[in-house]
Amino acid sequence: MKITVDQDKCCGAGTCVLLAPDVFDQRDEDGIVVLLDAEPPAELHPLVREAASVCPAAAISVSS
């Protein structure tokens, strides 16, 4: 799994951080997503896919 984030699209909702805090964080100053792990371990894949699917700005992309 490879994850990319588009910080320009991010609206700072924070759902990704709630679902997968080992993979995503938010900048303190504006809440924009920060990718902590672009290739997380397999056990986190379901949470990352869910985070991408519920992102209101579609700022998270996941590829195999």
PDB file of N, CA and C in Angstrom:
ATOM      1  N   MET A   1       0.841  -1.182   0.000  1.00  0.00           N
ATOM      2  CA  MET A   1       0.000   0.000   0.000  1.00  0.00           C
ATOM      3  C   MET A   1       0.882   1.238   0.000  1.00  0.00           C
ATOM      4  N   LYS A   2       0.503   2.188  -0.838  1.00  0.00           N
ATOM      5  CA  LYS A   2       1.200   3.476  -0.911  1.00  0.00           C
ATOM      6  C   LYS A   2       0.154   4.571  -0.731  1.00  0.00           C
ATOM      7  N   ILE A   3       0.425   5.505   0.164  1.00  0.00           N
ATOM      8  CA  ILE A   3      -0.514   6.580   0.476  1.00  0.00           C
ATOM      9  C   ILE A   3       0.080   7.908   0.046  1.00  0.00           C
ATOM     10  N   THR A   4      -0.753   8.749  -0.541  1.00  0.00           N
ATOM     11  CA  THR A   4      -0.370  10.126  -0.817  1.00  0.00           C
ATOM     12  C   THR A   4      -1.480  11.032  -0.298  1.00  0.00           C
ATOM     13  N   VAL A   5      -1.094  12.231   0.112  1.00  0.00           N
ATOM     14  CA  VAL A   5      -2.085  13.211   0.551  1.00  0.00           C
ATOM     15  C   VAL A   5      -1.889  14.497  -0.244  1.00  0.00           C
ATOM     16  N   ASP A   6      -2.986  15.173  -0.509  1.00  0.00           N
ATOM     17  CA  ASP A   6      -2.956  16.459  -1.184  1.00  0.00           C
ATOM     18  C   ASP A   6      -3.301  17.528  -0.159  1.00  0.00           C
ATOM     19  N   GLN A   7      -2.285  18.173   0.380  1.00  0.00           N
ATOM     20  CA  GLN A   7      -2.502  19.162   1.424  1.00  0.00           C
ATOM     21  C   GLN A   7      -3.303  20.359   0.912  1.00  0.00           C
ATOM     22  N   ASP A   8      -3.258  20.617  -0.390  1.00  0.00           N
ATOM     23  CA  ASP A   8      -4.037  21.728  -0.948  1.00  0.00           C
ATOM     24  C   ASP A   8      -5.538  21.443  -0.920  1.00  0.00           C
ATOM     25  N   LYS A   9      -5.915  20.168  -0.989  1.00  0.00           N
ATOM     26  CA  LYS A   9      -7.331  19.777  -0.929  1.00  0.00           C
ATOM     27  C   LYS A   9      -7.852  19.654   0.501  1.00  0.00           C
ATOM     28  N   CYS A  10      -6.965  19.348   1.431  1.00  0.00           N
ATOM     29  CA  CYS A  10      -7.355  19.045   2.812  1.00  0.00           C
ATOM     30  C   CYS A  10      -8.117  20.208   3.450  1.00  0.00           C
ATOM     31  N   CYS A  11      -9.227  19.861   4.110  1.00  0.00           N
ATOM     32  CA  CYS A  11     -10.037  20.874   4.784  1.00  0.00           C
ATOM     33  C   CYS A  11      -9.867  20.826   6.306  1.00  0.00           C
ATOM     34  N   GLY A  12      -9.010  19.913   6.787  1.00  0.00           N
ATOM     35  CA  GLY A  12      -8.714  19.856   8.212  1.00  0.00           C
ATOM     36  C   GLY A  12      -9.779  19.206   9.070  1.00  0.00           C
ATOM     37  N   ALA A  13     -10.606  18.349   8.490  1.00  0.00           N
ATOM     38  CA  ALA A  13     -11.669  17.696   9.256  1.00  0.00           C
ATOM     39  C   ALA A  13     -11.117  16.788  10.353  1.00  0.00           C
ATOM     40  N   GLY A  14      -9.978  16.152  10.103  1.00  0.00           N
ATOM     41  CA  GLY A  14      -9.325  15.341  11.124  1.00  0.00           C
ATOM     42  C   GLY A  14      -9.809  13.914  11.257  1.00  0.00           C
ATOM     43  N   THR A  15     -10.718  13.485  10.419  1.00  0.00           N
ATOM     44  CA  THR A  15     -11.225  12.117  10.501  1.00  0.00           C
ATOM     45  C   THR A  15     -10.110  11.105  10.285  1.00  0.00           C
ATOM     46  N   CYS A  16      -9.192  11.412   9.396  1.00  0.00           N
ATOM     47  CA  CYS A  16      -8.087  10.493   9.120  1.00  0.00           C
ATOM     48  C   CYS A  16      -7.240  10.264  10.369  1.00  0.00           C
ATOM     49  N   VAL A  17      -7.013  11.312  11.130  1.00  0.00           N
ATOM     50  CA  VAL A  17      -6.208  11.207  12.346  1.00  0.00           C
ATOM     51  C   VAL A  17      -6.939  10.372  13.392  1.00  0.00           C
ATOM     52  N   LEU A  18      -8.239  10.535  13.496  1.00  0.00           N
ATOM     53  CA  LEU A  18      -9.020   9.752  14.451  1.00  0.00           C
ATOM     54  C   LEU A  18      -9.000   8.266  14.095  1.00  0.00           C
ATOM     55  N   LEU A  19      -9.059   7.959  12.799  1.00  0.00           N
ATOM     56  CA  LEU A  19      -9.094   6.563  12.362  1.00  0.00           C
ATOM     57  C   LEU A  19      -7.721   5.913  12.363  1.00  0.00           C
ATOM     58  N   ALA A  20      -6.696   6.628  11.952  1.00  0.00           N
ATOM     59  CA  ALA A  20      -5.364   6.032  11.803  1.00  0.00           C
ATOM     60  C   ALA A  20      -4.280   7.002  12.295  1.00  0.00           C
ATOM     61  N   PRO A  21      -4.195   7.196  13.603  1.00  0.00           N
ATOM     62  CA  PRO A  21      -3.236   8.162  14.149  1.00  0.00           C
ATOM     63  C   PRO A  21      -1.774   7.779  13.957  1.00  0.00           C
ATOM     64  N   ASP A  22      -1.497   6.522  13.636  1.00  0.00           N
ATOM     65  CA  ASP A  22      -0.117   6.122  13.363  1.00  0.00           C
ATOM     66  C   ASP A  22       0.307   6.483  11.943  1.00  0.00           C
ATOM     67  N   VAL A  23      -0.674   6.829  11.115  1.00  0.00           N
ATOM     68  CA  VAL A  23      -0.402   7.125   9.713  1.00  0.00           C
ATOM     69  C   VAL A  23      -0.577   8.610   9.400  1.00  0.00           C
ATOM     70  N   PHE A  24      -1.562   9.240  10.044  1.00  0.00           N
ATOM     71  CA  PHE A  24      -1.876  10.641   9.753  1.00  0.00           C
ATOM     72  C   PHE A  24      -1.772  11.506  11.005  1.00  0.00           C
ATOM     73  N   ASP A  25      -1.415  12.761  10.799  1.00  0.00           N
ATOM     74  CA  ASP A  25      -1.432  13.764  11.853  1.00  0.00           C
ATOM     75  C   ASP A  25      -1.933  15.058  11.211  1.00  0.00           C
ATOM     76  N   GLN A  26      -2.051  16.096  12.019  1.00  0.00           N
ATOM     77  CA  GLN A  26      -2.470  17.397  11.513  1.00  0.00           C
ATOM     78  C   GLN A  26      -1.486  18.456  11.977  1.00  0.00           C
ATOM     79  N   ARG A  27      -1.253  19.448  11.102  1.00  0.00           N
ATOM     80  CA  ARG A  27      -0.396  20.568  11.487  1.00  0.00           C
ATOM     81  C   ARG A  27      -1.103  21.365  12.568  1.00  0.00           C
ATOM     82  N   ASP A  28      -0.346  21.795  13.554  1.00  0.00           N
ATOM     83  CA  ASP A  28      -0.919  22.547  14.671  1.00  0.00           C
ATOM     84  C   ASP A  28      -1.518  23.870  14.228  1.00  0.00           C
ATOM     85  N   GLU A  29      -0.873  24.539  13.291  1.00  0.00           N
ATOM     86  CA  GLU A  29      -1.301  25.887  12.941  1.00  0.00           C
ATOM     87  C   GLU A  29      -2.602  25.957  12.138  1.00  0.00           C
ATOM     88  N   ASP A  30      -2.900  24.915  11.330  1.00  0.00           N
ATOM     89  CA  ASP A  30      -4.101  25.012  10.498  1.00  0.00           C
ATOM     90  C   ASP A  30      -4.884  23.709  10.346  1.00  0.00           C
ATOM     91  N   GLY A  31      -4.415  22.629  10.959  1.00  0.00           N
ATOM     92  CA  GLY A  31      -5.153  21.367  10.918  1.00  0.00           C
ATOM     93  C   GLY A  31      -4.999  20.566   9.644  1.00  0.00           C
ATOM     94  N   ILE A  32      -4.142  21.003   8.740  1.00  0.00           N
ATOM     95  CA  ILE A  32      -3.952  20.291   7.473  1.00  0.00           C
ATOM     96  C   ILE A  32      -3.239  18.962   7.730  1.00  0.00           C
ATOM     97  N   VAL A  33      -3.634  17.956   6.970  1.00  0.00           N
ATOM     98  CA  VAL A  33      -3.106  16.600   7.135  1.00  0.00           C
ATOM     99  C   VAL A  33      -1.592  16.554   6.920  1.00  0.00           C
ATOM    100  N   VAL A  34      -0.952  15.706   7.732  1.00  0.00           N
ATOM    101  CA  VAL A  34       0.470  15.393   7.592  1.00  0.00           C
ATOM    102  C   VAL A  34       0.571  13.872   7.525  1.00  0.00           C
ATOM    103  N   LEU A  35       1.237  13.373   6.514  1.00  0.00           N
ATOM    104  CA  LEU A  35       1.404  11.930   6.349  1.00  0.00           C
ATOM    105  C   LEU A  35       2.612  11.469   7.163  1.00  0.00           C
ATOM    106  N   LEU A  36       2.378  10.586   8.114  1.00  0.00           N
ATOM    107  CA  LEU A  36       3.447  10.080   8.970  1.00  0.00           C
ATOM    108  C   LEU A  36       4.091   8.814   8.411  1.00  0.00           C
ATOM    109  N   ASP A  37       3.315   8.021   7.678  1.00  0.00           N
ATOM    110  CA  ASP A  37       3.810   6.741   7.168  1.00  0.00           C
ATOM    111  C   ASP A  37       3.178   6.478   5.805  1.00  0.00           C
ATOM    112  N   ALA A  38       3.937   6.664   4.737  1.00  0.00           N
ATOM    113  CA  ALA A  38       3.415   6.496   3.375  1.00  0.00           C
ATOM    114  C   ALA A  38       3.206   5.037   2.994  1.00  0.00           C
ATOM    115  N   GLU A  39       3.853   4.124   3.735  1.00  0.00           N
ATOM    116  CA  GLU A  39       3.708   2.693   3.459  1.00  0.00           C
ATOM    117  C   GLU A  39       3.511   1.947   4.779  1.00  0.00           C
ATOM    118  N   PRO A  40       2.309   2.064   5.356  1.00  0.00           N
ATOM    119  CA  PRO A  40       2.048   1.462   6.669  1.00  0.00           C
ATOM    120  C   PRO A  40       1.975  -0.059   6.611  1.00  0.00           C
ATOM    121  N   PRO A  41       2.131  -0.705   7.768  1.00  0.00           N
ATOM    122  CA  PRO A  41       2.033  -2.167   7.823  1.00  0.00           C
ATOM    123  C   PRO A  41       0.618  -2.646   7.477  1.00  0.00           C
ATOM    124  N   ALA A  42       0.542  -3.891   7.070  1.00  0.00           N
ATOM    125  CA  ALA A  42      -0.714  -4.476   6.583  1.00  0.00           C
ATOM    126  C   ALA A  42      -1.865  -4.357   7.579  1.00  0.00           C
ATOM    127  N   GLU A  43      -1.585  -4.427   8.863  1.00  0.00           N
ATOM    128  CA  GLU A  43      -2.678  -4.382   9.841  1.00  0.00           C
ATOM    129  C   GLU A  43      -3.375  -3.013   9.871  1.00  0.00           C
ATOM    130  N   LEU A  44      -2.730  -1.988   9.333  1.00  0.00           N
ATOM    131  CA  LEU A  44      -3.358  -0.659   9.298  1.00  0.00           C
ATOM    132  C   LEU A  44      -4.092  -0.371   7.992  1.00  0.00           C
ATOM    133  N   HIS A  45      -3.944  -1.229   7.000  1.00  0.00           N
ATOM    134  CA  HIS A  45      -4.549  -0.991   5.692  1.00  0.00           C
ATOM    135  C   HIS A  45      -6.060  -0.758   5.744  1.00  0.00           C
ATOM    136  N   PRO A  46      -6.829  -1.555   6.488  1.00  0.00           N
ATOM    137  CA  PRO A  46      -8.276  -1.305   6.531  1.00  0.00           C
ATOM    138  C   PRO A  46      -8.621   0.087   7.081  1.00  0.00           C
ATOM    139  N   LEU A  47      -7.904   0.531   8.101  1.00  0.00           N
ATOM    140  CA  LEU A  47      -8.170   1.854   8.673  1.00  0.00           C
ATOM    141  C   LEU A  47      -7.783   2.965   7.707  1.00  0.00           C
ATOM    142  N   VAL A  48      -6.681   2.773   6.993  1.00  0.00           N
ATOM    143  CA  VAL A  48      -6.249   3.778   6.020  1.00  0.00           C
ATOM    144  C   VAL A  48      -7.257   3.874   4.879  1.00  0.00           C
ATOM    145  N   ARG A  49      -7.736   2.729   4.409  1.00  0.00           N
ATOM    146  CA  ARG A  49      -8.748   2.749   3.334  1.00  0.00           C
ATOM    147  C   ARG A  49     -10.021   3.454   3.808  1.00  0.00           C
ATOM    148  N   GLU A  50     -10.421   3.202   5.035  1.00  0.00           N
ATOM    149  CA  GLU A  50     -11.602   3.873   5.576  1.00  0.00           C
ATOM    150  C   GLU A  50     -11.364   5.376   5.687  1.00  0.00           C
ATOM    151  N   ALA A  51     -10.187   5.764   6.162  1.00  0.00           N
ATOM    152  CA  ALA A  51      -9.862   7.189   6.273  1.00  0.00           C
ATOM    153  C   ALA A  51      -9.934   7.866   4.905  1.00  0.00           C
ATOM    154  N   ALA A  52      -9.410   7.208   3.882  1.00  0.00           N
ATOM    155  CA  ALA A  52      -9.453   7.779   2.532  1.00  0.00           C
ATOM    156  C   ALA A  52     -10.890   7.886   2.030  1.00  0.00           C
ATOM    157  N   SER A  53     -11.704   6.879   2.326  1.00  0.00           N
ATOM    158  CA  SER A  53     -13.074   6.875   1.814  1.00  0.00           C
ATOM    159  C   SER A  53     -13.969   7.904   2.502  1.00  0.00           C
ATOM    160  N   VAL A  54     -13.687   8.238   3.750  1.00  0.00           N
ATOM    161  CA  VAL A  54     -14.531   9.196   4.461  1.00  0.00           C
ATOM    162  C   VAL A  54     -13.980  10.615   4.434  1.00  0.00           C
ATOM    163  N   CYS A  55     -12.807  10.810   3.850  1.00  0.00           N
ATOM    164  CA  CYS A  55     -12.225  12.159   3.781  1.00  0.00           C
ATOM    165  C   CYS A  55     -13.161  13.074   2.987  1.00  0.00           C
ATOM    166  N   PRO A  56     -13.689  14.133   3.622  1.00  0.00           N
ATOM    167  CA  PRO A  56     -14.659  14.989   2.926  1.00  0.00           C
ATOM    168  C   PRO A  56     -14.065  15.767   1.759  1.00  0.00           C
ATOM    169  N   ALA A  57     -12.752  15.931   1.737  1.00  0.00           N
ATOM    170  CA  ALA A  57     -12.109  16.679   0.662  1.00  0.00           C
ATOM    171  C   ALA A  57     -11.440  15.762  -0.379  1.00  0.00           C
ATOM    172  N   ALA A  58     -11.536  14.465  -0.176  1.00  0.00           N
ATOM    173  CA  ALA A  58     -10.864  13.485  -1.061  1.00  0.00           C
ATOM    174  C   ALA A  58      -9.385  13.805  -1.199  1.00  0.00           C
ATOM    175  N   ALA A  59      -8.744  14.135  -0.075  1.00  0.00           N
ATOM    176  CA  ALA A  59      -7.339  14.529  -0.085  1.00  0.00           C
ATOM    177  C   ALA A  59      -6.380  13.360   0.110  1.00  0.00           C
ATOM    178  N   ILE A  60      -6.916  12.171   0.346  1.00  0.00           N
ATOM    179  CA  ILE A  60      -6.078  10.991   0.587  1.00  0.00           C
ATOM    180  C   ILE A  60      -6.254  10.010  -0.569  1.00  0.00           C
ATOM    181  N   SER A  61      -5.115   9.589  -1.145  1.00  0.00           N
ATOM    182  CA  SER A  61      -5.133   8.585  -2.219  1.00  0.00           C
ATOM    183  C   SER A  61      -4.391   7.355  -1.745  1.00  0.00           C
ATOM    184  N   VAL A  62      -4.954   6.200  -2.072  1.00  0.00           N
ATOM    185  CA  VAL A  62      -4.362   4.925  -1.683  1.00  0.00           C
ATOM    186  C   VAL A  62      -4.201   4.074  -2.935  1.00  0.00           C
ATOM    187  N   SER A  63      -3.010   3.508  -3.087  1.00  0.00           N
ATOM    188  CA  SER A  63      -2.778   2.574  -4.197  1.00  0.00           C
ATOM    189  C   SER A  63      -2.150   1.304  -3.629  1.00  0.00           C
ATOM    190  N   SER A  64      -2.275   0.222  -4.363  1.00  0.00           N
ATOM    191  CA  SER A  64      -1.768  -1.058  -3.857  1.00  0.00           C
ATOM    192  C   SER A  64      -0.279  -1.132  -3.911  1.00  0.00           C
TER     193      SER A  64
END
